[in-house]
Amino acid sequence: MLDLVLQLVVLAVALVVVLAILHVALAQRYYFMIMIYRGKPRVTKGKVHAVFLDNIRAVCEEHGITSGWIGGVRQRKSIALRFSSNIPYGCQQRLRNIWFNS
């Protein structure tokens, strides 16, 4: 009985290690990260233009967004935006358009 428990513990630890390695290997790597707190965007990783931050602030104010995050993920030769779930789709699309045209 003790051998079975020990084998299950070893198997569980091995599974956790494999899942952690897969998570690190496959997770999206953000080129930049912008946190929105009390309606004010702040860059926490990477660099973006001040004009883009001003646009984010204006759009958040217009849509009443007080918290969330926006991340930039490298896709081939461009950077795609990812958003927290509390940023409405219409707002996301508007920010994508601003990002694309800047």
C-alpha atoms as a PDB file:
ATOM      1  CA  MET A   1       0.000   0.000   0.000  1.00  0.00           C
ATOM      2  CA  LEU A   2       2.825   2.380   0.882  1.00  0.00           C
ATOM      3  CA  ASP A   3       4.530   1.653  -2.458  1.00  0.00           C
ATOM      4  CA  LEU A   4       1.344   2.577  -4.347  1.00  0.00           C
ATOM      5  CA  VAL A   5       1.034   5.884  -2.486  1.00  0.00           C
ATOM      6  CA  LEU A   6       4.702   6.673  -3.120  1.00  0.00           C
ATOM      7  CA  GLN A   7       4.310   5.882  -6.832  1.00  0.00           C
ATOM      8  CA  LEU A   8       1.235   8.132  -7.056  1.00  0.00           C
ATOM      9  CA  VAL A   9       3.065  11.000  -5.345  1.00  0.00           C
ATOM     10  CA  VAL A  10       6.049  10.649  -7.691  1.00  0.00           C
ATOM     11  CA  LEU A  11       3.707  10.528 -10.689  1.00  0.00           C
ATOM     12  CA  ALA A  12       1.818  13.622  -9.492  1.00  0.00           C
ATOM     13  CA  VAL A  13       5.048  15.577  -8.976  1.00  0.00           C
ATOM     14  CA  ALA A  14       6.302  14.559 -12.424  1.00  0.00           C
ATOM     15  CA  LEU A  15       2.995  15.630 -13.987  1.00  0.00           C
ATOM     16  CA  VAL A  16       3.144  19.033 -12.272  1.00  0.00           C
ATOM     17  CA  VAL A  17       6.716  19.568 -13.492  1.00  0.00           C
ATOM     18  CA  VAL A  18       5.782  18.653 -17.086  1.00  0.00           C
ATOM     19  CA  LEU A  19       2.737  20.964 -17.005  1.00  0.00           C
ATOM     20  CA  ALA A  20       4.829  23.829 -15.626  1.00  0.00           C
ATOM     21  CA  ILE A  21       7.422  23.380 -18.384  1.00  0.00           C
ATOM     22  CA  LEU A  22       4.703  23.319 -21.042  1.00  0.00           C
ATOM     23  CA  HIS A  23       3.074  26.424 -19.592  1.00  0.00           C
ATOM     24  CA  VAL A  24       6.341  28.377 -19.656  1.00  0.00           C
ATOM     25  CA  ALA A  25       7.197  27.171 -23.160  1.00  0.00           C
ATOM     26  CA  LEU A  26       3.783  27.887 -24.693  1.00  0.00           C
ATOM     27  CA  ALA A  27       2.716  31.015 -22.784  1.00  0.00           C
ATOM     28  CA  GLN A  28       2.410  34.252 -24.698  1.00  0.00           C
ATOM     29  CA  ARG A  29       5.329  36.547 -24.161  1.00  0.00           C
ATOM     30  CA  TYR A  30       4.250  40.145 -23.886  1.00  0.00           C
ATOM     31  CA  TYR A  31       6.337  42.741 -25.711  1.00  0.00           C
ATOM     32  CA  PHE A  32       4.727  45.400 -23.540  1.00  0.00           C
ATOM     33  CA  MET A  33       2.132  45.516 -20.767  1.00  0.00           C
ATOM     34  CA  ILE A  34      -0.086  48.445 -19.818  1.00  0.00           C
ATOM     35  CA  MET A  35      -2.040  48.354 -16.580  1.00  0.00           C
ATOM     36  CA  ILE A  36      -5.109  50.562 -16.205  1.00  0.00           C
ATOM     37  CA  TYR A  37      -5.816  51.668 -12.651  1.00  0.00           C
ATOM     38  CA  ARG A  38      -8.431  54.284 -11.804  1.00  0.00           C
ATOM     39  CA  GLY A  39      -8.735  55.032 -15.514  1.00  0.00           C
ATOM     40  CA  LYS A  40      -5.051  55.876 -15.918  1.00  0.00           C
ATOM     41  CA  PRO A  41      -2.823  53.680 -18.101  1.00  0.00           C
ATOM     42  CA  ARG A  42       0.706  52.928 -16.926  1.00  0.00           C
ATOM     43  CA  VAL A  43       3.362  50.942 -18.767  1.00  0.00           C
ATOM     44  CA  THR A  44       4.645  48.117 -16.557  1.00  0.00           C
ATOM     45  CA  LYS A  45       6.727  46.286 -19.166  1.00  0.00           C
ATOM     46  CA  GLY A  46       8.338  47.433 -22.397  1.00  0.00           C
ATOM     47  CA  LYS A  47       7.852  50.783 -24.114  1.00  0.00           C
ATOM     48  CA  VAL A  48       5.013  52.458 -26.008  1.00  0.00           C
ATOM     49  CA  HIS A  49       4.608  55.968 -27.385  1.00  0.00           C
ATOM     50  CA  ALA A  50       3.147  58.597 -25.073  1.00  0.00           C
ATOM     51  CA  VAL A  51       0.527  59.410 -27.721  1.00  0.00           C
ATOM     52  CA  PHE A  52      -0.779  55.828 -27.542  1.00  0.00           C
ATOM     53  CA  LEU A  53      -1.047  56.104 -23.746  1.00  0.00           C
ATOM     54  CA  ASP A  54      -2.963  59.363 -24.132  1.00  0.00           C
ATOM     55  CA  ASN A  55      -5.329  57.641 -26.562  1.00  0.00           C
ATOM     56  CA  ILE A  56      -5.845  54.756 -24.135  1.00  0.00           C
ATOM     57  CA  ARG A  57      -6.636  57.214 -21.355  1.00  0.00           C
ATOM     58  CA  ALA A  58      -9.164  59.052 -23.555  1.00  0.00           C
ATOM     59  CA  VAL A  59     -10.869  55.838 -24.703  1.00  0.00           C
ATOM     60  CA  CYS A  60     -11.017  54.499 -21.130  1.00  0.00           C
ATOM     61  CA  GLU A  61     -12.545  57.768 -19.955  1.00  0.00           C
ATOM     62  CA  GLU A  62     -15.091  57.700 -22.782  1.00  0.00           C
ATOM     63  CA  HIS A  63     -16.113  54.092 -22.035  1.00  0.00           C
ATOM     64  CA  GLY A  64     -15.924  54.384 -18.244  1.00  0.00           C
ATOM     65  CA  ILE A  65     -13.124  51.826 -17.902  1.00  0.00           C
ATOM     66  CA  THR A  66     -11.331  52.167 -14.573  1.00  0.00           C
ATOM     67  CA  SER A  67      -9.217  49.000 -14.475  1.00  0.00           C
ATOM     68  CA  GLY A  68      -7.771  46.322 -16.725  1.00  0.00           C
ATOM     69  CA  TRP A  69      -4.730  45.618 -18.826  1.00  0.00           C
ATOM     70  CA  ILE A  70      -3.555  45.767 -22.427  1.00  0.00           C
ATOM     71  CA  GLY A  71      -0.658  43.664 -23.648  1.00  0.00           C
ATOM     72  CA  GLY A  72       1.284  43.566 -26.881  1.00  0.00           C
ATOM     73  CA  VAL A  73       2.200  40.126 -28.254  1.00  0.00           C
ATOM     74  CA  ARG A  74       4.633  39.705 -31.124  1.00  0.00           C
ATOM     75  CA  GLN A  75       3.056  37.924 -34.108  1.00  0.00           C
ATOM     76  CA  ARG A  76       5.446  37.463 -36.987  1.00  0.00           C
ATOM     77  CA  LYS A  77       6.588  40.986 -37.872  1.00  0.00           C
ATOM     78  CA  SER A  78       3.888  42.911 -36.025  1.00  0.00           C
ATOM     79  CA  ILE A  79       2.536  43.267 -32.510  1.00  0.00           C
ATOM     80  CA  ALA A  80      -1.043  42.218 -31.739  1.00  0.00           C
ATOM     81  CA  LEU A  81      -2.951  43.606 -28.782  1.00  0.00           C
ATOM     82  CA  ARG A  82      -4.496  41.454 -26.056  1.00  0.00           C
ATOM     83  CA  PHE A  83      -6.981  42.791 -23.501  1.00  0.00           C
ATOM     84  CA  SER A  84      -8.364  41.923 -20.108  1.00  0.00           C
ATOM     85  CA  SER A  85     -11.947  40.686 -20.141  1.00  0.00           C
ATOM     86  CA  ASN A  86     -13.394  43.847 -18.597  1.00  0.00           C
ATOM     87  CA  ILE A  87     -12.511  45.960 -21.654  1.00  0.00           C
ATOM     88  CA  PRO A  88     -15.540  45.846 -24.010  1.00  0.00           C
ATOM     89  CA  TYR A  89     -15.084  44.531 -27.549  1.00  0.00           C
ATOM     90  CA  GLY A  90     -15.926  47.878 -29.168  1.00  0.00           C
ATOM     91  CA  CYS A  91     -13.291  49.577 -27.054  1.00  0.00           C
ATOM     92  CA  GLN A  92     -10.786  46.840 -27.931  1.00  0.00           C
ATOM     93  CA  GLN A  93     -11.392  47.354 -31.638  1.00  0.00           C
ATOM     94  CA  ARG A  94     -11.020  51.097 -31.323  1.00  0.00           C
ATOM     95  CA  LEU A  95      -7.689  50.665 -29.526  1.00  0.00           C
ATOM     96  CA  ARG A  96      -6.545  48.173 -32.173  1.00  0.00           C
ATOM     97  CA  ASN A  97      -7.342  50.728 -34.877  1.00  0.00           C
ATOM     98  CA  ILE A  98      -5.415  53.418 -33.000  1.00  0.00           C
ATOM     99  CA  TRP A  99      -2.477  51.030 -32.531  1.00  0.00           C
ATOM    100  CA  PHE A 100      -2.482  50.005 -36.193  1.00  0.00           C
ATOM    101  CA  ASN A 101      -2.598  53.608 -37.438  1.00  0.00           C
ATOM    102  CA  SER A 102       0.061  54.961 -35.082  1.00  0.00           C
END
